[in-house]
PDB file of N, CA and C in Angstrom:
ATOM      1  N   MET A   1       0.834  -0.927   0.358  1.00  0.00           N
ATOM      2  CA  MET A   1      -0.070  -0.066   0.307  1.00  0.00           C
ATOM      3  C   MET A   1       1.083   0.941   0.043  1.00  0.00           C
ATOM      4  N   ALA A   2       0.696   2.196  -0.724  1.00  0.00           N
ATOM      5  CA  ALA A   2       1.337   3.343  -1.205  1.00  0.00           C
ATOM      6  C   ALA A   2       0.820   4.397  -0.371  1.00  0.00           C
ATOM      7  N   TYR A   3       1.734   5.164   0.538  1.00  0.00           N
ATOM      8  CA  TYR A   3       1.083   6.181   1.384  1.00  0.00           C
ATOM      9  C   TYR A   3       1.510   7.701   0.416  1.00  0.00           C
ATOM     10  N   LEU A   4       0.369   8.188   0.201  1.00  0.00           N
ATOM     11  CA  LEU A   4       0.857   9.166  -0.737  1.00  0.00           C
ATOM     12  C   LEU A   4       0.016  10.140   0.071  1.00  0.00           C
ATOM     13  N   THR A   5       0.076  11.333  -0.041  1.00  0.00           N
ATOM     14  CA  THR A   5      -0.278  12.956   0.203  1.00  0.00           C
ATOM     15  C   THR A   5      -1.175  13.175  -0.936  1.00  0.00           C
ATOM     16  N   ASP A   6      -2.586  14.139  -0.235  1.00  0.00           N
ATOM     17  CA  ASP A   6      -3.562  14.385  -1.876  1.00  0.00           C
ATOM     18  C   ASP A   6      -2.756  15.000  -2.706  1.00  0.00           C
ATOM     19  N   ARG A   7      -1.812  16.053  -2.080  1.00  0.00           N
ATOM     20  CA  ARG A   7      -1.039  16.588  -3.089  1.00  0.00           C
ATOM     21  C   ARG A   7      -0.161  16.159  -4.101  1.00  0.00           C
ATOM     22  N   LYS A   8       0.202  14.989  -3.312  1.00  0.00           N
ATOM     23  CA  LYS A   8       1.367  14.110  -4.114  1.00  0.00           C
ATOM     24  C   LYS A   8       0.482  13.022  -5.354  1.00  0.00           C
ATOM     25  N   ARG A   9      -0.533  12.633  -4.857  1.00  0.00           N
ATOM     26  CA  ARG A   9      -1.383  11.856  -5.918  1.00  0.00           C
ATOM     27  C   ARG A   9      -2.093  12.774  -6.833  1.00  0.00           C
ATOM     28  N   VAL A  10      -2.603  14.115  -6.621  1.00  0.00           N
ATOM     29  CA  VAL A  10      -3.131  15.035  -7.798  1.00  0.00           C
ATOM     30  C   VAL A  10      -1.715  15.458  -8.535  1.00  0.00           C
ATOM     31  N   SER A  11      -0.896  15.588  -7.913  1.00  0.00           N
ATOM     32  CA  SER A  11       0.267  16.048  -9.129  1.00  0.00           C
ATOM     33  C   SER A  11      -0.234  17.392  -9.865  1.00  0.00           C
ATOM     34  N   GLY A  12      -0.697  18.488  -9.784  1.00  0.00           N
ATOM     35  CA  GLY A  12      -0.771  18.910 -10.750  1.00  0.00           C
ATOM     36  C   GLY A  12      -2.079  18.781 -11.907  1.00  0.00           C
ATOM     37  N   LEU A  13      -2.878  17.600 -11.387  1.00  0.00           N
ATOM     38  CA  LEU A  13      -3.707  17.099 -12.799  1.00  0.00           C
ATOM     39  C   LEU A  13      -5.387  17.600 -11.573  1.00  0.00           C
ATOM     40  N   GLY A  14      -6.020  17.654 -12.773  1.00  0.00           N
ATOM     41  CA  GLY A  14      -7.343  17.752 -12.607  1.00  0.00           C
ATOM     42  C   GLY A  14      -8.057  16.387 -12.376  1.00  0.00           C
ATOM     43  N   SER A  15      -9.264  16.205 -12.272  1.00  0.00           N
ATOM     44  CA  SER A  15     -10.078  15.189 -12.132  1.00  0.00           C
ATOM     45  C   SER A  15      -9.903  14.512 -13.836  1.00  0.00           C
ATOM     46  N   ALA A  16      -9.919  15.239 -14.929  1.00  0.00           N
ATOM     47  CA  ALA A  16      -9.888  14.433 -16.090  1.00  0.00           C
ATOM     48  C   ALA A  16      -8.452  14.307 -16.497  1.00  0.00           C
ATOM     49  N   GLY A  17      -7.628  14.887 -15.785  1.00  0.00           N
ATOM     50  CA  GLY A  17      -6.177  14.637 -15.994  1.00  0.00           C
ATOM     51  C   GLY A  17      -5.041  15.734 -16.702  1.00  0.00           C
ATOM     52  N   ALA A  18      -6.012  17.258 -17.111  1.00  0.00           N
ATOM     53  CA  ALA A  18      -5.190  17.677 -18.032  1.00  0.00           C
ATOM     54  C   ALA A  18      -5.844  19.102 -17.434  1.00  0.00           C
ATOM     55  N   GLY A  19      -6.721  19.236 -16.471  1.00  0.00           N
ATOM     56  CA  GLY A  19      -7.088  20.500 -15.915  1.00  0.00           C
ATOM     57  C   GLY A  19      -6.346  21.678 -15.931  1.00  0.00           C
ATOM     58  N   THR A  20      -5.067  21.245 -14.995  1.00  0.00           N
ATOM     59  CA  THR A  20      -4.344  22.537 -14.613  1.00  0.00           C
ATOM     60  C   THR A  20      -3.464  22.776 -15.967  1.00  0.00           C
ATOM     61  N   ALA A  21      -2.739  21.963 -16.792  1.00  0.00           N
ATOM     62  CA  ALA A  21      -2.367  22.393 -17.855  1.00  0.00           C
ATOM     63  C   ALA A  21      -3.138  23.181 -18.691  1.00  0.00           C
ATOM     64  N   HIS A  22      -4.147  23.191 -18.925  1.00  0.00           N
ATOM     65  CA  HIS A  22      -5.328  24.173 -19.549  1.00  0.00           C
ATOM     66  C   HIS A  22      -5.631  25.158 -19.025  1.00  0.00           C
ATOM     67  N   HIS A  23      -5.746  25.132 -17.745  1.00  0.00           N
ATOM     68  CA  HIS A  23      -6.018  26.459 -17.477  1.00  0.00           C
ATOM     69  C   HIS A  23      -4.718  27.502 -17.522  1.00  0.00           C
ATOM     70  N   TRP A  24      -3.344  26.855 -17.168  1.00  0.00           N
ATOM     71  CA  TRP A  24      -2.162  27.509 -17.278  1.00  0.00           C
ATOM     72  C   TRP A  24      -2.094  27.799 -18.858  1.00  0.00           C
ATOM     73  N   HIS A  25      -2.596  27.162 -19.546  1.00  0.00           N
ATOM     74  CA  HIS A  25      -2.429  27.920 -21.027  1.00  0.00           C
ATOM     75  C   HIS A  25      -3.395  29.245 -21.162  1.00  0.00           C
ATOM     76  N   GLN A  26      -4.673  28.643 -20.655  1.00  0.00           N
ATOM     77  CA  GLN A  26      -5.487  29.927 -20.572  1.00  0.00           C
ATOM     78  C   GLN A  26      -4.817  31.202 -19.903  1.00  0.00           C
ATOM     79  N   THR A  27      -4.409  30.803 -18.954  1.00  0.00           N
ATOM     80  CA  THR A  27      -3.656  32.096 -18.344  1.00  0.00           C
ATOM     81  C   THR A  27      -2.553  32.676 -19.122  1.00  0.00           C
ATOM     82  N   LEU A  28      -1.640  32.073 -19.664  1.00  0.00           N
ATOM     83  CA  LEU A  28      -0.608  32.718 -20.173  1.00  0.00           C
ATOM     84  C   LEU A  28      -1.167  33.633 -21.954  1.00  0.00           C
ATOM     85  N   LEU A  29      -2.123  32.691 -22.238  1.00  0.00           N
ATOM     86  CA  LEU A  29      -2.600  33.434 -23.671  1.00  0.00           C
ATOM     87  C   LEU A  29      -3.463  34.652 -23.102  1.00  0.00           C
ATOM     88  N   SER A  30      -3.971  34.948 -21.781  1.00  0.00           N
ATOM     89  CA  SER A  30      -4.834  36.203 -21.306  1.00  0.00           C
ATOM     90  C   SER A  30      -3.798  36.945 -20.743  1.00  0.00           C
ATOM     91  N   ALA A  31      -2.579  36.709 -20.174  1.00  0.00           N
ATOM     92  CA  ALA A  31      -1.551  37.862 -19.941  1.00  0.00           C
ATOM     93  C   ALA A  31      -0.768  38.366 -21.577  1.00  0.00           C
ATOM     94  N   ALA A  32      -0.843  37.381 -22.389  1.00  0.00           N
ATOM     95  CA  ALA A  32      -0.403  37.986 -23.856  1.00  0.00           C
ATOM     96  C   ALA A  32      -1.326  38.896 -24.650  1.00  0.00           C
ATOM     97  N   LEU A  33      -2.603  38.448 -24.368  1.00  0.00           N
ATOM     98  CA  LEU A  33      -3.512  39.735 -24.967  1.00  0.00           C
ATOM     99  C   LEU A  33      -3.786  40.813 -24.242  1.00  0.00           C
ATOM    100  N   VAL A  34      -3.168  40.469 -22.693  1.00  0.00           N
ATOM    101  CA  VAL A  34      -3.364  42.194 -21.797  1.00  0.00           C
ATOM    102  C   VAL A  34      -2.161  43.136 -22.540  1.00  0.00           C
ATOM    103  N   VAL A  35      -1.199  42.318 -23.229  1.00  0.00           N
ATOM    104  CA  VAL A  35       0.113  43.466 -23.762  1.00  0.00           C
ATOM    105  C   VAL A  35      -0.739  43.560 -25.200  1.00  0.00           C
ATOM    106  N   LEU A  36      -0.882  42.564 -25.684  1.00  0.00           N
ATOM    107  CA  LEU A  36      -1.164  42.537 -27.082  1.00  0.00           C
ATOM    108  C   LEU A  36      -2.425  43.536 -27.708  1.00  0.00           C
ATOM    109  N   VAL A  37      -3.178  43.443 -27.146  1.00  0.00           N
ATOM    110  CA  VAL A  37      -4.387  44.049 -27.736  1.00  0.00           C
ATOM    111  C   VAL A  37      -4.562  45.598 -27.323  1.00  0.00           C
ATOM    112  N   PRO A  38      -3.725  46.005 -26.405  1.00  0.00           N
ATOM    113  CA  PRO A  38      -3.311  47.469 -26.423  1.00  0.00           C
ATOM    114  C   PRO A  38      -2.587  47.755 -27.458  1.00  0.00           C
ATOM    115  N   LEU A  39      -1.634  47.517 -27.661  1.00  0.00           N
ATOM    116  CA  LEU A  39      -0.843  47.449 -28.872  1.00  0.00           C
ATOM    117  C   LEU A  39      -1.226  47.375 -29.989  1.00  0.00           C
ATOM    118  N   PHE A  40      -1.967  46.715 -30.148  1.00  0.00           N
ATOM    119  CA  PHE A  40      -2.779  46.281 -31.856  1.00  0.00           C
ATOM    120  C   PHE A  40      -3.714  47.502 -31.655  1.00  0.00           C
ATOM    121  N   LEU A  41      -4.312  47.786 -30.598  1.00  0.00           N
ATOM    122  CA  LEU A  41      -5.410  49.131 -30.686  1.00  0.00           C
ATOM    123  C   LEU A  41      -4.897  50.650 -31.074  1.00  0.00           C
ATOM    124  N   PHE A  42      -3.262  50.870 -30.582  1.00  0.00           N
ATOM    125  CA  PHE A  42      -2.409  51.656 -30.908  1.00  0.00           C
ATOM    126  C   PHE A  42      -2.375  51.451 -32.199  1.00  0.00           C
ATOM    127  N   THR A  43      -1.572  50.515 -32.624  1.00  0.00           N
ATOM    128  CA  THR A  43      -1.161  50.689 -34.392  1.00  0.00           C
ATOM    129  C   THR A  43      -2.326  50.776 -34.966  1.00  0.00           C
ATOM    130  N   PHE A  44      -3.448  49.842 -34.935  1.00  0.00           N
ATOM    131  CA  PHE A  44      -4.853  49.753 -35.930  1.00  0.00           C
ATOM    132  C   PHE A  44      -5.371  51.103 -35.626  1.00  0.00           C
ATOM    133  N   GLY A  45      -5.560  51.972 -34.546  1.00  0.00           N
ATOM    134  CA  GLY A  45      -6.184  53.150 -34.440  1.00  0.00           C
ATOM    135  C   GLY A  45      -5.579  53.903 -35.095  1.00  0.00           C
ATOM    136  N   ALA A  46      -4.133  54.075 -35.306  1.00  0.00           N
ATOM    137  CA  ALA A  46      -3.393  54.782 -36.469  1.00  0.00           C
ATOM    138  C   ALA A  46      -3.786  55.175 -37.675  1.00  0.00           C
ATOM    139  N   ILE A  47      -4.160  54.028 -38.180  1.00  0.00           N
ATOM    140  CA  ILE A  47      -4.617  54.059 -39.595  1.00  0.00           C
ATOM    141  C   ILE A  47      -5.960  53.873 -40.028  1.00  0.00           C
ATOM    142  N   ILE A  48      -7.121  53.722 -39.006  1.00  0.00           N
ATOM    143  CA  ILE A  48      -8.713  53.718 -39.530  1.00  0.00           C
ATOM    144  C   ILE A  48      -8.744  55.013 -39.832  1.00  0.00           C
ATOM    145  N   GLY A  49      -9.637  54.581 -41.128  1.00  0.00           N
ATOM    146  CA  GLY A  49      -9.857  55.754 -42.282  1.00  0.00           C
ATOM    147  C   GLY A  49      -9.164  56.308 -42.964  1.00  0.00           C
ATOM    148  N   ALA A  50      -7.770  55.448 -42.802  1.00  0.00           N
ATOM    149  CA  ALA A  50      -7.091  55.849 -43.853  1.00  0.00           C
ATOM    150  C   ALA A  50      -7.659  55.352 -45.356  1.00  0.00           C
ATOM    151  N   PRO A  51      -6.819  55.729 -46.870  1.00  0.00           N
ATOM    152  CA  PRO A  51      -7.187  55.506 -48.116  1.00  0.00           C
ATOM    153  C   PRO A  51      -6.315  53.738 -47.876  1.00  0.00           C
ATOM    154  N   TYR A  52      -7.200  52.827 -49.236  1.00  0.00           N
ATOM    155  CA  TYR A  52      -6.313  51.644 -48.864  1.00  0.00           C
ATOM    156  C   TYR A  52      -5.193  51.221 -49.118  1.00  0.00           C
ATOM    157  N   GLU A  53      -4.324  52.104 -49.974  1.00  0.00           N
ATOM    158  CA  GLU A  53      -2.877  52.019 -50.618  1.00  0.00           C
ATOM    159  C   GLU A  53      -2.242  52.658 -49.272  1.00  0.00           C
ATOM    160  N   GLU A  54      -2.683  53.275 -48.486  1.00  0.00           N
ATOM    161  CA  GLU A  54      -1.905  53.924 -47.190  1.00  0.00           C
ATOM    162  C   GLU A  54      -2.163  52.948 -46.104  1.00  0.00           C
ATOM    163  N   VAL A  55      -3.306  52.290 -45.845  1.00  0.00           N
ATOM    164  CA  VAL A  55      -3.349  50.849 -45.636  1.00  0.00           C
ATOM    165  C   VAL A  55      -2.404  49.795 -45.551  1.00  0.00           C
ATOM    166  N   VAL A  56      -2.449  49.653 -46.755  1.00  0.00           N
ATOM    167  CA  VAL A  56      -1.379  48.306 -47.360  1.00  0.00           C
ATOM    168  C   VAL A  56       0.201  49.020 -46.999  1.00  0.00           C
ATOM    169  N   ALA A  57       0.466  50.221 -47.070  1.00  0.00           N
ATOM    170  CA  ALA A  57       1.796  50.825 -47.132  1.00  0.00           C
ATOM    171  C   ALA A  57       1.740  50.655 -45.745  1.00  0.00           C
ATOM    172  N   TYR A  58       1.492  50.847 -44.450  1.00  0.00           N
ATOM    173  CA  TYR A  58       1.146  50.725 -43.339  1.00  0.00           C
ATOM    174  C   TYR A  58       1.416  49.350 -42.841  1.00  0.00           C
ATOM    175  N   TYR A  59       0.713  48.590 -43.373  1.00  0.00           N
ATOM    176  CA  TYR A  59       1.194  46.942 -43.220  1.00  0.00           C
ATOM    177  C   TYR A  59       2.099  46.248 -43.401  1.00  0.00           C
ATOM    178  N   THR A  60       2.788  47.154 -44.264  1.00  0.00           N
ATOM    179  CA  THR A  60       3.759  46.207 -45.086  1.00  0.00           C
ATOM    180  C   THR A  60       5.375  46.814 -44.275  1.00  0.00           C
ATOM    181  N   ARG A  61       5.097  47.667 -43.280  1.00  0.00           N
ATOM    182  CA  ARG A  61       6.205  47.585 -42.168  1.00  0.00           C
ATOM    183  C   ARG A  61       5.694  46.480 -41.100  1.00  0.00           C
ATOM    184  N   PRO A  62       7.006  46.119 -40.518  1.00  0.00           N
ATOM    185  CA  PRO A  62       7.038  45.024 -39.651  1.00  0.00           C
ATOM    186  C   PRO A  62       6.513  44.696 -38.592  1.00  0.00           C
ATOM    187  N   TRP A  63       6.601  46.164 -37.642  1.00  0.00           N
ATOM    188  CA  TRP A  63       6.156  46.361 -36.537  1.00  0.00           C
ATOM    189  C   TRP A  63       4.523  46.284 -36.390  1.00  0.00           C
ATOM    190  N   PRO A  64       4.016  46.712 -37.248  1.00  0.00           N
ATOM    191  CA  PRO A  64       2.375  46.885 -37.460  1.00  0.00           C
ATOM    192  C   PRO A  64       1.262  45.500 -37.512  1.00  0.00           C
ATOM    193  N   ALA A  65       2.283  44.767 -38.485  1.00  0.00           N
ATOM    194  CA  ALA A  65       1.889  43.795 -39.132  1.00  0.00           C
ATOM    195  C   ALA A  65       2.086  42.334 -38.151  1.00  0.00           C
ATOM    196  N   LEU A  66       3.380  42.569 -37.548  1.00  0.00           N
ATOM    197  CA  LEU A  66       3.614  41.654 -36.408  1.00  0.00           C
ATOM    198  C   LEU A  66       2.690  41.684 -35.235  1.00  0.00           C
ATOM    199  N   ILE A  67       2.439  43.149 -34.909  1.00  0.00           N
ATOM    200  CA  ILE A  67       1.347  43.060 -33.560  1.00  0.00           C
ATOM    201  C   ILE A  67      -0.071  42.316 -34.347  1.00  0.00           C
ATOM    202  N   ALA A  68      -0.137  42.641 -35.124  1.00  0.00           N
ATOM    203  CA  ALA A  68      -1.257  42.726 -35.711  1.00  0.00           C
ATOM    204  C   ALA A  68      -1.691  41.116 -35.896  1.00  0.00           C
ATOM    205  N   LEU A  69      -0.769  40.268 -36.157  1.00  0.00           N
ATOM    206  CA  LEU A  69      -0.479  39.103 -36.768  1.00  0.00           C
ATOM    207  C   LEU A  69      -0.404  38.363 -35.226  1.00  0.00           C
ATOM    208  N   LEU A  70      -0.022  38.327 -34.176  1.00  0.00           N
ATOM    209  CA  LEU A  70       0.435  37.729 -32.637  1.00  0.00           C
ATOM    210  C   LEU A  70      -1.249  37.910 -32.151  1.00  0.00           C
ATOM    211  N   THR A  71      -1.934  39.174 -32.263  1.00  0.00           N
ATOM    212  CA  THR A  71      -3.026  40.040 -31.487  1.00  0.00           C
ATOM    213  C   THR A  71      -4.128  38.730 -32.248  1.00  0.00           C
ATOM    214  N   LEU A  72      -4.002  38.859 -33.244  1.00  0.00           N
ATOM    215  CA  LEU A  72      -5.165  37.767 -34.287  1.00  0.00           C
ATOM    216  C   LEU A  72      -4.931  36.413 -33.582  1.00  0.00           C
ATOM    217  N   THR A  73      -3.862  35.893 -33.813  1.00  0.00           N
ATOM    218  CA  THR A  73      -3.164  34.304 -33.727  1.00  0.00           C
ATOM    219  C   THR A  73      -3.511  33.883 -32.558  1.00  0.00           C
ATOM    220  N   VAL A  74      -3.153  34.947 -31.252  1.00  0.00           N
ATOM    221  CA  VAL A  74      -3.432  34.650 -29.962  1.00  0.00           C
ATOM    222  C   VAL A  74      -4.517  34.473 -29.317  1.00  0.00           C
ATOM    223  N   GLY A  75      -5.441  35.806 -29.857  1.00  0.00           N
ATOM    224  CA  GLY A  75      -7.041  35.704 -29.887  1.00  0.00           C
ATOM    225  C   GLY A  75      -7.454  34.787 -30.415  1.00  0.00           C
ATOM    226  N   TRP A  76      -7.136  33.976 -31.452  1.00  0.00           N
ATOM    227  CA  TRP A  76      -8.001  32.876 -31.824  1.00  0.00           C
ATOM    228  C   TRP A  76      -7.969  31.680 -31.026  1.00  0.00           C
ATOM    229  N   VAL A  77      -6.770  31.640 -30.741  1.00  0.00           N
ATOM    230  CA  VAL A  77      -6.232  30.474 -29.933  1.00  0.00           C
ATOM    231  C   VAL A  77      -6.788  30.207 -28.545  1.00  0.00           C
ATOM    232  N   HIS A  78      -7.045  31.635 -27.651  1.00  0.00           N
ATOM    233  CA  HIS A  78      -7.213  31.531 -26.597  1.00  0.00           C
ATOM    234  C   HIS A  78      -9.209  31.316 -26.951  1.00  0.00           C
ATOM    235  N   PHE A  79      -9.651  31.919 -27.820  1.00  0.00           N
ATOM    236  CA  PHE A  79     -11.478  31.821 -28.266  1.00  0.00           C
ATOM    237  C   PHE A  79     -11.465  30.255 -27.954  1.00  0.00           C
ATOM    238  N   ALA A  80     -10.439  29.515 -28.972  1.00  0.00           N
ATOM    239  CA  ALA A  80     -11.015  28.151 -29.362  1.00  0.00           C
ATOM    240  C   ALA A  80     -10.585  27.177 -27.644  1.00  0.00           C
ATOM    241  N   LYS A  81      -9.808  28.000 -26.759  1.00  0.00           N
ATOM    242  CA  LYS A  81      -9.680  26.874 -25.647  1.00  0.00           C
ATOM    243  C   LYS A  81     -10.514  27.717 -24.650  1.00  0.00           C
ATOM    244  N   GLY A  82     -11.567  28.662 -24.530  1.00  0.00           N
ATOM    245  CA  GLY A  82     -12.395  28.912 -23.758  1.00  0.00           C
ATOM    246  C   GLY A  82     -13.422  28.355 -24.099  1.00  0.00           C
ATOM    247  N   VAL A  83     -13.916  28.603 -25.411  1.00  0.00           N
ATOM    248  CA  VAL A  83     -14.780  27.629 -25.764  1.00  0.00           C
ATOM    249  C   VAL A  83     -15.177  26.308 -25.286  1.00  0.00           C
ATOM    250  N   GLN A  84     -13.470  25.592 -25.786  1.00  0.00           N
ATOM    251  CA  GLN A  84     -13.726  23.984 -25.165  1.00  0.00           C
ATOM    252  C   GLN A  84     -14.304  23.858 -23.827  1.00  0.00           C
ATOM    253  N   VAL A  85     -13.824  24.733 -23.007  1.00  0.00           N
ATOM    254  CA  VAL A  85     -14.012  24.800 -21.443  1.00  0.00           C
ATOM    255  C   VAL A  85     -15.577  24.897 -21.223  1.00  0.00           C
ATOM    256  N   LEU A  86     -16.110  25.731 -21.843  1.00  0.00           N
ATOM    257  CA  LEU A  86     -17.698  26.121 -21.911  1.00  0.00           C
ATOM    258  C   LEU A  86     -18.289  24.983 -22.650  1.00  0.00           C
ATOM    259  N   ILE A  87     -17.931  24.357 -23.627  1.00  0.00           N
ATOM    260  CA  ILE A  87     -18.623  23.080 -24.009  1.00  0.00           C
ATOM    261  C   ILE A  87     -18.700  22.053 -23.082  1.00  0.00           C
ATOM    262  N   GLU A  88     -17.203  21.593 -22.534  1.00  0.00           N
ATOM    263  CA  GLU A  88     -17.108  20.776 -21.630  1.00  0.00           C
ATOM    264  C   GLU A  88     -18.132  20.605 -20.279  1.00  0.00           C
ATOM    265  N   ASP A  89     -18.264  22.003 -20.285  1.00  0.00           N
ATOM    266  CA  ASP A  89     -19.401  22.258 -18.521  1.00  0.00           C
ATOM    267  C   ASP A  89     -20.548  21.930 -19.109  1.00  0.00           C
ATOM    268  N   TYR A  90     -20.950  22.007 -20.029  1.00  0.00           N
ATOM    269  CA  TYR A  90     -22.350  22.850 -20.375  1.00  0.00           C
ATOM    270  C   TYR A  90     -22.938  21.230 -21.384  1.00  0.00           C
ATOM    271  N   VAL A  91     -22.248  20.661 -22.558  1.00  0.00           N
ATOM    272  CA  VAL A  91     -22.653  19.910 -23.435  1.00  0.00           C
ATOM    273  C   VAL A  91     -22.347  18.481 -22.844  1.00  0.00           C
ATOM    274  N   GLY A  92     -23.016  17.394 -23.101  1.00  0.00           N
ATOM    275  CA  GLY A  92     -22.334  16.209 -22.920  1.00  0.00           C
ATOM    276  C   GLY A  92     -22.668  15.074 -24.098  1.00  0.00           C
ATOM    277  N   GLY A  93     -22.229  14.167 -23.777  1.00  0.00           N
ATOM    278  CA  GLY A  93     -22.172  13.114 -25.013  1.00  0.00           C
ATOM    279  C   GLY A  93     -21.423  13.437 -26.302  1.00  0.00           C
ATOM    280  N   LEU A  94     -21.894  12.444 -27.450  1.00  0.00           N
ATOM    281  CA  LEU A  94     -21.510  12.738 -28.327  1.00  0.00           C
ATOM    282  C   LEU A  94     -21.541  14.290 -29.050  1.00  0.00           C
ATOM    283  N   ALA A  95     -22.459  14.887 -28.491  1.00  0.00           N
ATOM    284  CA  ALA A  95     -22.395  16.454 -28.819  1.00  0.00           C
ATOM    285  C   ALA A  95     -21.138  17.379 -28.721  1.00  0.00           C
ATOM    286  N   ARG A  96     -21.044  16.991 -27.266  1.00  0.00           N
ATOM    287  CA  ARG A  96     -19.476  17.484 -26.714  1.00  0.00           C
ATOM    288  C   ARG A  96     -18.711  17.346 -27.636  1.00  0.00           C
ATOM    289  N   LYS A  97     -18.204  15.912 -28.253  1.00  0.00           N
ATOM    290  CA  LYS A  97     -17.335  15.804 -29.225  1.00  0.00           C
ATOM    291  C   LYS A  97     -17.116  16.651 -30.304  1.00  0.00           C
ATOM    292  N   MET A  98     -18.285  16.178 -30.786  1.00  0.00           N
ATOM    293  CA  MET A  98     -18.742  17.180 -32.134  1.00  0.00           C
ATOM    294  C   MET A  98     -18.643  18.380 -32.104  1.00  0.00           C
ATOM    295  N   ALA A  99     -18.940  19.341 -30.926  1.00  0.00           N
ATOM    296  CA  ALA A  99     -18.656  20.703 -30.692  1.00  0.00           C
ATOM    297  C   ALA A  99     -17.131  21.089 -30.377  1.00  0.00           C
ATOM    298  N   ILE A 100     -16.887  20.353 -29.925  1.00  0.00           N
ATOM    299  CA  ILE A 100     -15.273  20.878 -29.489  1.00  0.00           C
ATOM    300  C   ILE A 100     -14.492  20.588 -30.984  1.00  0.00           C
ATOM    301  N   ILE A 101     -14.552  19.492 -31.524  1.00  0.00           N
ATOM    302  CA  ILE A 101     -14.079  19.602 -33.023  1.00  0.00           C
ATOM    303  C   ILE A 101     -14.381  20.549 -33.778  1.00  0.00           C
ATOM    304  N   ALA A 102     -15.696  21.035 -34.067  1.00  0.00           N
ATOM    305  CA  ALA A 102     -16.421  22.175 -34.730  1.00  0.00           C
ATOM    306  C   ALA A 102     -15.584  23.377 -34.188  1.00  0.00           C
ATOM    307  N   THR A 103     -15.851  23.580 -33.358  1.00  0.00           N
ATOM    308  CA  THR A 103     -15.088  24.859 -32.690  1.00  0.00           C
ATOM    309  C   THR A 103     -13.820  25.183 -32.977  1.00  0.00           C
ATOM    310  N   THR A 104     -12.889  24.035 -32.519  1.00  0.00           N
ATOM    311  CA  THR A 104     -11.685  23.980 -32.448  1.00  0.00           C
ATOM    312  C   THR A 104     -10.703  24.440 -34.021  1.00  0.00           C
ATOM    313  N   CYS A 105     -11.944  23.743 -35.113  1.00  0.00           N
ATOM    314  CA  CYS A 105     -11.611  23.686 -36.469  1.00  0.00           C
ATOM    315  C   CYS A 105     -11.884  25.215 -37.063  1.00  0.00           C
ATOM    316  N   LEU A 106     -13.346  25.667 -36.394  1.00  0.00           N
ATOM    317  CA  LEU A 106     -13.360  26.755 -37.111  1.00  0.00           C
ATOM    318  C   LEU A 106     -12.394  28.058 -36.254  1.00  0.00           C
ATOM    319  N   SER A 107     -11.970  28.066 -35.119  1.00  0.00           N
ATOM    320  CA  SER A 107     -11.557  28.791 -34.685  1.00  0.00           C
ATOM    321  C   SER A 107      -9.988  28.731 -35.079  1.00  0.00           C
ATOM    322  N   TYR A 108      -9.518  27.830 -35.334  1.00  0.00           N
ATOM    323  CA  TYR A 108      -8.468  27.522 -36.230  1.00  0.00           C
ATOM    324  C   TYR A 108      -8.210  27.697 -37.859  1.00  0.00           C
ATOM    325  N   ALA A 109      -9.505  27.879 -38.278  1.00  0.00           N
ATOM    326  CA  ALA A 109      -9.476  28.040 -39.581  1.00  0.00           C
ATOM    327  C   ALA A 109      -9.431  29.915 -39.684  1.00  0.00           C
ATOM    328  N   ALA A 110      -9.965  30.167 -38.984  1.00  0.00           N
ATOM    329  CA  ALA A 110     -10.043  31.956 -38.631  1.00  0.00           C
ATOM    330  C   ALA A 110      -8.793  32.403 -38.869  1.00  0.00           C
ATOM    331  N   ALA A 111      -8.148  31.753 -37.351  1.00  0.00           N
ATOM    332  CA  ALA A 111      -6.732  32.505 -37.252  1.00  0.00           C
ATOM    333  C   ALA A 111      -5.822  32.439 -38.752  1.00  0.00           C
ATOM    334  N   LEU A 112      -6.325  30.890 -39.410  1.00  0.00           N
ATOM    335  CA  LEU A 112      -5.646  30.856 -40.594  1.00  0.00           C
ATOM    336  C   LEU A 112      -6.113  31.672 -41.709  1.00  0.00           C
ATOM    337  N   ALA A 113      -7.351  32.118 -41.677  1.00  0.00           N
ATOM    338  CA  ALA A 113      -7.207  33.198 -42.878  1.00  0.00           C
ATOM    339  C   ALA A 113      -6.836  34.947 -42.268  1.00  0.00           C
ATOM    340  N   CYS A 114      -6.677  34.853 -40.822  1.00  0.00           N
ATOM    341  CA  CYS A 114      -6.195  36.148 -40.591  1.00  0.00           C
ATOM    342  C   CYS A 114      -4.772  36.267 -41.004  1.00  0.00           C
ATOM    343  N   VAL A 115      -4.044  35.007 -40.637  1.00  0.00           N
ATOM    344  CA  VAL A 115      -2.889  35.056 -41.121  1.00  0.00           C
ATOM    345  C   VAL A 115      -2.589  35.069 -42.207  1.00  0.00           C
ATOM    346  N   TYR A 116      -3.022  34.118 -43.413  1.00  0.00           N
ATOM    347  CA  TYR A 116      -3.288  34.831 -44.609  1.00  0.00           C
ATOM    348  C   TYR A 116      -3.765  35.794 -45.229  1.00  0.00           C
ATOM    349  N   ALA A 117      -4.567  36.697 -44.526  1.00  0.00           N
ATOM    350  CA  ALA A 117      -4.836  38.070 -45.216  1.00  0.00           C
ATOM    351  C   ALA A 117      -3.663  39.143 -44.594  1.00  0.00           C
ATOM    352  N   LEU A 118      -3.102  39.023 -43.192  1.00  0.00           N
ATOM    353  CA  LEU A 118      -2.060  39.870 -43.128  1.00  0.00           C
ATOM    354  C   LEU A 118      -0.963  39.745 -44.156  1.00  0.00           C
ATOM    355  N   ILE A 119      -0.653  38.505 -44.211  1.00  0.00           N
ATOM    356  CA  ILE A 119       0.373  37.940 -45.347  1.00  0.00           C
ATOM    357  C   ILE A 119       0.335  38.753 -46.556  1.00  0.00           C
ATOM    358  N   ARG A 120      -1.223  38.427 -46.997  1.00  0.00           N
ATOM    359  CA  ARG A 120      -1.137  38.951 -48.513  1.00  0.00           C
ATOM    360  C   ARG A 120      -1.255  40.678 -48.885  1.00  0.00           C
ATOM    361  N   LEU A 121      -1.716  41.210 -47.292  1.00  0.00           N
ATOM    362  CA  LEU A 121      -1.673  42.220 -47.093  1.00  0.00           C
ATOM    363  C   LEU A 121      -0.166  43.209 -47.119  1.00  0.00           C
ATOM    364  N   ALA A 122       0.677  42.415 -46.271  1.00  0.00           N
ATOM    365  CA  ALA A 122       2.200  42.935 -46.101  1.00  0.00           C
ATOM    366  C   ALA A 122       2.842  42.489 -47.185  1.00  0.00           C
ATOM    367  N   LEU A 123       3.039  41.703 -47.861  1.00  0.00           N
ATOM    368  CA  LEU A 123       3.710  40.845 -49.105  1.00  0.00           C
ATOM    369  C   LEU A 123       3.119  41.390 -50.478  1.00  0.00           C
TER     370      LEU A 123
END
């Protein structure tokens, strides 16, 4: 018989086996967004209302394009993980698996579309 304390038995895992890691990823993504969103608003706000050619010239510079790329990508990944938690809490059975797969695919497809649009705009 092994004599383990409750803390040793859990060893950083929730009842599903990955809760702590998922929460930690969400926390890191949130911290990244706390920095990135104001930077994005600052860089994006400077170009609102400008003609198309000026916007293209602005986003060919590396700083605004990188800020936009990071903000949109991290935002969509954060969205995917957050919606997964909501689905796990409120949906059951096969619908849970299907909803998680659908929202994850949708989120990563939207992130990929943002990356493609920015690359197309910057190059």
